[in-house]
N, C-alpha and C. Protein backbone atom coordinates (compact mmCIF):
# COMPACT_ATOMS: atom_id res chain seq x y z
N MET A 1 74.79 -30.23 -32.82
CA MET A 1 75.81 -30.92 -32.56
C MET A 1 75.01 -32.51 -32.30
N GLY A 2 75.51 -33.48 -32.87
CA GLY A 2 75.37 -34.71 -32.69
C GLY A 2 76.05 -35.41 -31.48
N LEU A 3 75.68 -36.68 -30.85
CA LEU A 3 76.34 -37.18 -29.99
C LEU A 3 77.56 -37.88 -30.64
N LYS A 4 78.61 -37.80 -30.32
CA LYS A 4 79.78 -38.47 -30.33
C LYS A 4 79.87 -39.38 -29.47
N SER A 5 79.81 -40.35 -29.76
CA SER A 5 80.15 -42.03 -29.24
C SER A 5 81.78 -42.50 -28.77
N ILE A 6 82.13 -42.82 -27.67
CA ILE A 6 83.39 -42.75 -26.84
C ILE A 6 83.62 -44.13 -27.78
N ILE A 7 82.73 -45.23 -27.89
CA ILE A 7 83.20 -46.55 -28.93
C ILE A 7 82.89 -46.60 -30.35
N LYS A 8 84.27 -47.24 -30.48
CA LYS A 8 84.68 -46.91 -32.15
C LYS A 8 84.41 -47.99 -32.94
N ALA A 9 84.13 -49.14 -32.57
CA ALA A 9 83.73 -50.29 -33.12
C ALA A 9 82.29 -50.47 -32.82
N PRO A 10 81.42 -51.07 -34.12
CA PRO A 10 79.76 -51.67 -33.52
C PRO A 10 80.05 -52.88 -32.62
N GLU A 11 80.90 -53.48 -33.31
CA GLU A 11 80.83 -54.73 -32.04
C GLU A 11 81.27 -54.35 -31.03
N ASN A 12 81.96 -53.45 -30.72
CA ASN A 12 82.02 -52.89 -29.38
C ASN A 12 80.99 -52.62 -28.56
N ALA A 13 80.25 -51.59 -29.07
CA ALA A 13 78.60 -51.43 -28.98
C ALA A 13 77.64 -52.44 -28.15
N MET A 14 77.52 -53.81 -29.62
CA MET A 14 76.82 -54.47 -29.01
C MET A 14 77.61 -55.37 -27.81
N LEU A 15 78.74 -55.35 -27.44
CA LEU A 15 79.27 -56.07 -26.26
C LEU A 15 78.24 -55.38 -25.30
N VAL A 16 78.76 -53.80 -25.24
CA VAL A 16 78.35 -52.92 -24.16
C VAL A 16 76.73 -53.58 -23.99
N GLY A 17 76.38 -53.65 -24.76
CA GLY A 17 74.30 -53.91 -24.81
C GLY A 17 74.46 -54.91 -24.17
N LEU A 18 75.04 -56.18 -24.46
CA LEU A 18 74.54 -56.96 -24.20
C LEU A 18 75.40 -57.51 -22.61
N GLY A 19 76.23 -56.30 -22.18
CA GLY A 19 76.78 -56.80 -20.84
C GLY A 19 75.89 -55.68 -20.17
N GLU A 20 75.38 -54.67 -20.55
CA GLU A 20 73.96 -54.55 -19.62
C GLU A 20 73.12 -55.74 -19.31
N VAL A 21 72.27 -56.07 -20.72
CA VAL A 21 71.59 -56.95 -20.48
C VAL A 21 72.02 -57.80 -19.34
N ALA A 22 73.38 -58.34 -19.72
CA ALA A 22 73.46 -59.54 -18.71
C ALA A 22 73.75 -58.40 -17.25
N VAL A 23 73.84 -57.67 -16.89
CA VAL A 23 73.67 -56.67 -15.49
C VAL A 23 71.66 -56.86 -15.26
N ILE A 24 70.66 -56.38 -16.09
CA ILE A 24 69.46 -56.16 -15.65
C ILE A 24 68.98 -57.54 -15.34
N TYR A 25 69.91 -58.44 -16.11
CA TYR A 25 69.26 -60.58 -15.40
C TYR A 25 69.84 -60.46 -14.07
N THR A 26 70.66 -59.91 -13.91
CA THR A 26 71.26 -60.66 -12.58
C THR A 26 70.13 -59.39 -11.34
N LEU A 27 69.96 -58.23 -12.17
CA LEU A 27 69.44 -57.03 -10.83
C LEU A 27 67.63 -58.17 -10.98
N TYR A 28 67.42 -58.48 -11.84
CA TYR A 28 65.87 -59.02 -11.65
C TYR A 28 66.04 -60.28 -10.74
N GLN A 29 67.22 -60.91 -11.15
CA GLN A 29 67.28 -62.23 -10.22
C GLN A 29 67.39 -62.11 -8.76
N LYS A 30 67.95 -61.05 -8.73
CA LYS A 30 68.35 -60.37 -7.32
C LYS A 30 67.17 -59.63 -6.57
N ALA A 31 66.30 -59.18 -7.18
CA ALA A 31 64.96 -58.19 -6.57
C ALA A 31 64.10 -58.81 -6.70
N VAL A 32 63.93 -59.68 -7.58
CA VAL A 32 62.46 -60.64 -7.71
C VAL A 32 62.57 -62.07 -7.50
N PRO A 33 61.70 -62.59 -7.32
CA PRO A 33 61.46 -63.93 -6.79
C PRO A 33 61.64 -65.08 -8.12
N ASN A 34 61.93 -65.82 -8.57
CA ASN A 34 61.87 -66.98 -9.79
C ASN A 34 60.67 -67.04 -10.22
N ASP A 35 60.61 -66.87 -11.56
CA ASP A 35 59.52 -66.68 -12.03
C ASP A 35 58.36 -68.06 -11.73
N THR A 36 58.59 -69.08 -11.63
CA THR A 36 58.10 -70.43 -10.63
C THR A 36 57.64 -70.04 -10.02
N ASP A 37 58.47 -69.08 -8.65
CA ASP A 37 57.18 -68.83 -7.52
C ASP A 37 56.50 -67.46 -7.60
N VAL A 38 56.72 -66.57 -9.06
CA VAL A 38 55.97 -65.75 -9.17
C VAL A 38 54.94 -65.96 -9.61
N ARG A 39 54.72 -67.34 -10.23
CA ARG A 39 53.55 -67.93 -11.37
C ARG A 39 52.63 -68.71 -10.07
N SER A 40 53.47 -69.10 -9.18
CA SER A 40 52.79 -69.97 -7.85
C SER A 40 51.98 -68.58 -7.09
N ALA A 41 52.61 -68.47 -7.04
CA ALA A 41 51.66 -66.98 -5.94
C ALA A 41 50.51 -66.79 -6.79
N SER A 42 49.55 -65.94 -5.70
CA SER A 42 48.85 -65.48 -6.25
C SER A 42 48.45 -64.29 -7.02
N ALA A 43 47.92 -63.93 -7.90
CA ALA A 43 47.73 -63.11 -9.48
C ALA A 43 47.89 -62.01 -9.07
N LEU A 44 48.66 -60.88 -9.48
CA LEU A 44 49.00 -59.05 -9.56
C LEU A 44 49.60 -59.19 -7.98
N ASP A 45 50.07 -59.91 -7.45
CA ASP A 45 50.84 -59.88 -6.32
C ASP A 45 51.60 -58.40 -6.33
N ARG A 46 51.26 -58.02 -4.89
CA ARG A 46 51.43 -56.30 -4.91
C ARG A 46 53.01 -56.39 -4.76
N ASP A 47 53.70 -57.29 -3.29
CA ASP A 47 55.20 -57.17 -3.29
C ASP A 47 55.53 -57.63 -4.64
N VAL A 48 55.61 -58.51 -5.60
CA VAL A 48 56.14 -59.21 -6.36
C VAL A 48 56.04 -57.92 -7.54
N GLU A 49 55.29 -57.12 -7.36
CA GLU A 49 54.78 -55.76 -8.50
C GLU A 49 55.79 -55.29 -7.90
N ALA A 50 55.99 -54.65 -6.94
CA ALA A 50 56.82 -53.43 -6.14
C ALA A 50 58.55 -53.57 -6.35
N SER A 51 58.89 -55.27 -6.25
CA SER A 51 60.43 -55.88 -6.65
C SER A 51 60.20 -55.20 -7.95
N ARG A 52 59.34 -55.76 -8.84
CA ARG A 52 59.90 -55.84 -9.94
C ARG A 52 59.58 -54.42 -11.05
N ARG A 53 59.08 -53.42 -10.23
CA ARG A 53 59.34 -51.82 -10.23
C ARG A 53 60.56 -50.89 -9.79
N HIS A 54 60.72 -51.42 -8.86
CA HIS A 54 61.84 -51.72 -7.96
C HIS A 54 63.20 -51.91 -9.44
N ALA A 55 63.48 -53.20 -9.73
CA ALA A 55 64.41 -53.56 -10.23
C ALA A 55 64.23 -53.10 -11.86
N ALA A 56 63.20 -52.45 -12.32
CA ALA A 56 63.06 -51.66 -13.78
C ALA A 56 63.18 -50.46 -13.82
N TRP A 57 63.51 -49.68 -12.27
CA TRP A 57 64.00 -48.57 -12.25
C TRP A 57 65.86 -48.68 -11.94
N GLN A 58 65.61 -49.85 -11.35
CA GLN A 58 67.27 -49.97 -10.64
C GLN A 58 67.52 -49.95 -12.64
N SER A 59 67.00 -50.89 -13.43
CA SER A 59 67.86 -50.86 -14.73
C SER A 59 67.69 -49.69 -15.63
N ALA A 60 66.76 -49.07 -15.58
CA ALA A 60 66.79 -47.84 -16.24
C ALA A 60 67.91 -46.88 -15.66
N PHE A 61 68.13 -46.89 -14.54
CA PHE A 61 69.58 -45.93 -14.50
C PHE A 61 70.61 -46.61 -14.85
N LEU A 62 70.84 -48.17 -14.77
CA LEU A 62 72.08 -48.35 -15.30
C LEU A 62 72.23 -48.09 -16.75
N ILE A 63 71.00 -48.00 -17.57
CA ILE A 63 71.22 -48.49 -18.81
C ILE A 63 71.74 -46.61 -18.94
N GLY A 64 70.83 -45.44 -18.23
CA GLY A 64 71.03 -44.47 -18.60
C GLY A 64 72.59 -44.23 -18.35
N LEU A 65 72.91 -44.41 -17.20
CA LEU A 65 74.63 -44.32 -16.58
C LEU A 65 75.43 -44.57 -17.69
N VAL A 66 75.11 -45.69 -18.17
CA VAL A 66 76.36 -46.24 -19.54
C VAL A 66 75.65 -45.20 -20.91
N PHE A 67 74.87 -45.36 -20.84
CA PHE A 67 74.80 -44.18 -21.88
C PHE A 67 75.59 -42.51 -22.26
N LEU A 68 75.25 -41.94 -20.70
CA LEU A 68 76.10 -41.19 -20.29
C LEU A 68 77.61 -41.08 -20.33
N ILE A 69 78.05 -42.46 -19.98
CA ILE A 69 79.47 -42.05 -20.04
C ILE A 69 80.27 -42.43 -21.91
N THR A 70 79.36 -43.59 -22.31
CA THR A 70 79.67 -43.35 -23.43
C THR A 70 79.29 -42.72 -24.54
N SER A 71 78.00 -42.37 -24.46
CA SER A 71 77.16 -41.74 -25.52
C SER A 71 76.90 -42.55 -26.86
N ASP A 72 76.58 -43.89 -26.43
CA ASP A 72 76.60 -44.45 -27.97
C ASP A 72 75.00 -44.95 -27.46
N ILE A 73 74.38 -44.74 -28.67
CA ILE A 73 73.02 -45.02 -28.54
C ILE A 73 72.50 -46.49 -29.06
N ASN A 74 73.67 -46.97 -29.60
CA ASN A 74 73.48 -47.92 -30.23
C ASN A 74 73.42 -49.51 -28.97
N SER A 75 74.35 -49.05 -27.75
CA SER A 75 74.37 -49.81 -26.58
C SER A 75 72.51 -49.71 -26.00
N ALA A 76 72.55 -48.62 -25.44
CA ALA A 76 71.36 -47.86 -25.18
C ALA A 76 69.93 -48.72 -25.73
N VAL A 77 69.91 -49.16 -26.78
CA VAL A 77 68.81 -49.61 -27.50
C VAL A 77 68.90 -50.96 -27.34
N ILE A 78 70.09 -51.97 -26.99
CA ILE A 78 70.39 -52.71 -26.86
C ILE A 78 70.10 -53.59 -25.14
N GLY A 79 70.27 -52.69 -24.31
CA GLY A 79 70.17 -52.75 -22.84
C GLY A 79 68.63 -52.38 -22.70
N GLY A 80 67.73 -51.17 -23.44
CA GLY A 80 66.63 -50.74 -23.08
C GLY A 80 65.57 -52.15 -23.77
N ALA A 81 65.80 -53.01 -25.07
CA ALA A 81 64.54 -54.20 -25.32
C ALA A 81 65.54 -55.06 -24.42
N GLY A 82 66.47 -55.30 -24.11
CA GLY A 82 66.74 -56.59 -23.23
C GLY A 82 65.86 -56.25 -21.31
N LEU A 83 65.64 -55.40 -20.95
CA LEU A 83 64.93 -54.57 -20.08
C LEU A 83 64.04 -54.75 -20.42
N ALA A 84 63.06 -54.48 -21.59
CA ALA A 84 61.57 -54.46 -21.59
C ALA A 84 61.43 -56.60 -22.26
N GLY A 85 61.95 -56.81 -22.53
CA GLY A 85 61.83 -58.15 -22.85
C GLY A 85 62.03 -59.21 -21.19
N ILE A 86 62.66 -58.70 -20.22
CA ILE A 86 62.52 -59.25 -18.85
C ILE A 86 61.86 -58.77 -18.06
N ASP A 87 61.48 -57.64 -18.27
CA ASP A 87 60.19 -57.12 -17.40
C ASP A 87 59.02 -57.29 -17.87
N LEU A 88 58.26 -57.53 -19.09
CA LEU A 88 57.47 -58.30 -19.92
C LEU A 88 57.53 -59.63 -19.16
N MET A 89 58.26 -60.55 -19.39
CA MET A 89 58.45 -61.76 -18.78
C MET A 89 58.00 -62.08 -17.35
N THR A 90 58.99 -61.09 -16.66
CA THR A 90 58.08 -60.69 -14.88
C THR A 90 56.79 -60.08 -14.68
N LYS A 91 56.42 -59.23 -15.52
CA LYS A 91 54.72 -58.85 -15.55
C LYS A 91 54.07 -59.94 -15.84
N HIS A 92 54.15 -60.53 -17.09
CA HIS A 92 52.92 -61.48 -17.09
C HIS A 92 53.22 -62.93 -16.38
N ALA A 93 54.38 -63.35 -15.61
CA ALA A 93 54.55 -64.50 -14.48
C ALA A 93 53.54 -64.02 -13.79
N ASN A 94 53.48 -62.29 -13.16
CA ASN A 94 52.95 -61.85 -12.12
C ASN A 94 51.35 -62.01 -11.95
N GLY A 95 50.61 -62.10 -13.17
CA GLY A 95 49.44 -62.24 -13.93
C GLY A 95 48.68 -62.89 -14.17
N VAL A 96 49.59 -64.54 -13.75
CA VAL A 96 48.90 -65.67 -14.28
C VAL A 96 48.41 -66.04 -13.10
N ASN A 97 47.22 -66.31 -13.16
CA ASN A 97 46.69 -67.32 -11.86
C ASN A 97 46.58 -68.08 -11.43
N PRO A 98 47.03 -68.85 -10.57
CA PRO A 98 47.61 -70.43 -10.31
C PRO A 98 46.82 -71.53 -10.58
N ASN A 99 45.42 -70.91 -10.53
CA ASN A 99 44.54 -72.39 -10.37
C ASN A 99 44.19 -72.57 -11.85
N THR A 100 44.00 -71.23 -12.66
CA THR A 100 43.51 -71.26 -14.26
C THR A 100 44.71 -71.28 -15.12
N GLY A 101 46.00 -70.90 -14.66
CA GLY A 101 46.99 -70.76 -15.56
C GLY A 101 47.04 -69.81 -16.93
N LYS A 102 46.02 -68.92 -16.48
CA LYS A 102 45.74 -68.14 -17.62
C LYS A 102 46.22 -66.76 -16.54
N LEU A 103 45.98 -65.19 -17.53
CA LEU A 103 46.13 -64.25 -17.31
C LEU A 103 44.99 -63.95 -16.78
N THR A 104 45.33 -62.81 -15.28
CA THR A 104 43.82 -62.36 -14.81
C THR A 104 43.63 -61.48 -15.15
N GLY A 105 42.42 -60.57 -15.33
CA GLY A 105 42.32 -59.09 -15.50
C GLY A 105 42.51 -58.57 -13.97
N ARG A 106 42.45 -57.30 -13.81
CA ARG A 106 42.19 -56.56 -12.76
C ARG A 106 40.83 -56.27 -12.41
N GLU A 107 39.78 -56.65 -12.76
CA GLU A 107 38.41 -56.81 -12.06
C GLU A 107 38.84 -58.11 -11.21
N VAL A 108 39.17 -58.93 -11.50
CA VAL A 108 39.12 -60.28 -10.44
C VAL A 108 39.62 -60.25 -9.49
N VAL A 109 40.68 -59.13 -9.20
CA VAL A 109 41.94 -59.75 -8.13
C VAL A 109 41.15 -58.16 -7.51
N ASN A 110 40.39 -57.09 -7.68
CA ASN A 110 40.09 -56.30 -7.08
C ASN A 110 38.63 -56.31 -6.44
N GLU A 111 38.38 -57.47 -5.73
CA GLU A 111 37.22 -57.56 -4.95
C GLU A 111 36.63 -56.69 -4.12
N GLU A 112 37.45 -55.58 -3.46
CA GLU A 112 37.17 -55.15 -2.47
C GLU A 112 36.35 -53.53 -3.34
N ASN A 113 36.14 -53.31 -4.43
CA ASN A 113 35.58 -52.43 -4.88
C ASN A 113 34.54 -51.76 -4.76
N ASP A 114 34.74 -50.31 -3.69
CA ASP A 114 33.58 -50.40 -3.04
C ASP A 114 33.00 -49.11 -3.66
N VAL A 115 33.79 -48.54 -4.57
CA VAL A 115 33.65 -47.52 -5.27
C VAL A 115 32.75 -47.71 -6.46
N ALA A 116 32.21 -48.54 -6.49
CA ALA A 116 31.55 -49.17 -7.83
C ALA A 116 30.14 -48.80 -8.05
N PHE A 117 29.39 -48.95 -8.70
CA PHE A 117 28.08 -49.35 -8.49
C PHE A 117 27.47 -49.91 -10.10
N PRO A 118 26.44 -51.56 -9.67
CA PRO A 118 26.20 -52.15 -10.77
C PRO A 118 25.27 -51.31 -11.37
N LEU A 119 25.61 -51.39 -12.52
CA LEU A 119 24.31 -50.94 -13.74
C LEU A 119 23.35 -51.85 -13.85
N PRO A 120 21.91 -50.98 -13.93
CA PRO A 120 20.84 -52.00 -13.81
C PRO A 120 20.87 -52.81 -15.40
N SER A 121 20.30 -54.24 -15.31
CA SER A 121 20.32 -55.19 -16.47
C SER A 121 19.37 -54.24 -16.91
N TYR A 122 19.36 -54.70 -18.71
CA TYR A 122 18.14 -53.84 -19.54
C TYR A 122 18.07 -55.34 -20.86
N ASP A 123 18.03 -56.70 -20.33
CA ASP A 123 17.67 -57.40 -21.38
C ASP A 123 16.30 -57.05 -21.23
N ALA A 124 15.56 -57.94 -21.92
CA ALA A 124 13.80 -57.87 -22.64
C ALA A 124 13.25 -58.83 -20.58
N ASP A 125 14.16 -59.88 -20.65
CA ASP A 125 13.35 -60.63 -19.50
C ASP A 125 13.49 -59.74 -17.99
N ASP A 126 14.43 -59.27 -18.07
CA ASP A 126 14.67 -58.60 -16.87
C ASP A 126 14.78 -56.92 -16.74
N ASN A 127 13.75 -57.15 -17.34
CA ASN A 127 13.91 -55.20 -17.92
C ASN A 127 12.90 -54.29 -16.55
N ASP A 128 11.72 -55.29 -15.96
CA ASP A 128 11.48 -54.77 -15.03
C ASP A 128 11.74 -54.56 -13.89
N ASP A 129 12.68 -55.98 -13.41
CA ASP A 129 12.95 -56.07 -12.79
C ASP A 129 14.46 -54.63 -11.90
N ALA A 130 14.69 -54.44 -13.39
CA ALA A 130 16.02 -53.41 -13.51
C ALA A 130 15.42 -52.47 -13.04
N MET A 131 14.52 -51.85 -13.32
CA MET A 131 14.07 -50.70 -13.44
C MET A 131 13.39 -50.57 -11.68
N ALA A 132 13.21 -51.48 -11.27
CA ALA A 132 12.57 -51.89 -9.72
C ALA A 132 13.80 -51.42 -8.91
N ASP A 133 15.01 -51.94 -9.43
CA ASP A 133 16.47 -51.56 -8.77
C ASP A 133 16.59 -50.22 -8.86
N VAL A 134 16.61 -49.13 -9.71
CA VAL A 134 16.78 -48.31 -9.55
C VAL A 134 16.26 -47.42 -8.97
N GLY A 135 15.03 -47.65 -8.76
CA GLY A 135 13.48 -46.94 -7.99
C GLY A 135 12.81 -46.25 -8.88
N TYR A 136 12.51 -46.97 -10.19
CA TYR A 136 11.59 -46.09 -11.11
C TYR A 136 10.35 -47.23 -10.66
């Protein structure tokens, strides 16, 4: 048994999908600061990430609810693509370091990494010093 959409015309499915994208955009505008403020904050800010994740779950719930009501896969695909694009833009803005203007990796931000152990250097110049550091 396949899905039977209650939306008959493809144009109407497209309008429903674009309506979902408009609501998703509004949810992100209300939940997350604008991209300029996110980019000027410290990279990988936990508060911005939590707000982004909350808006993404709300948007996914909206897409699922509209899909359950309409049983139309086309509008769900359009809404999902809009959610992915808006979420990617917000996640990218949160990862930018305001000092360099470039994306930051997790290893730069996580400076309190007390569970990592430095590996010895195996360069030809520092080989003797590396063995002394590990107790050999």
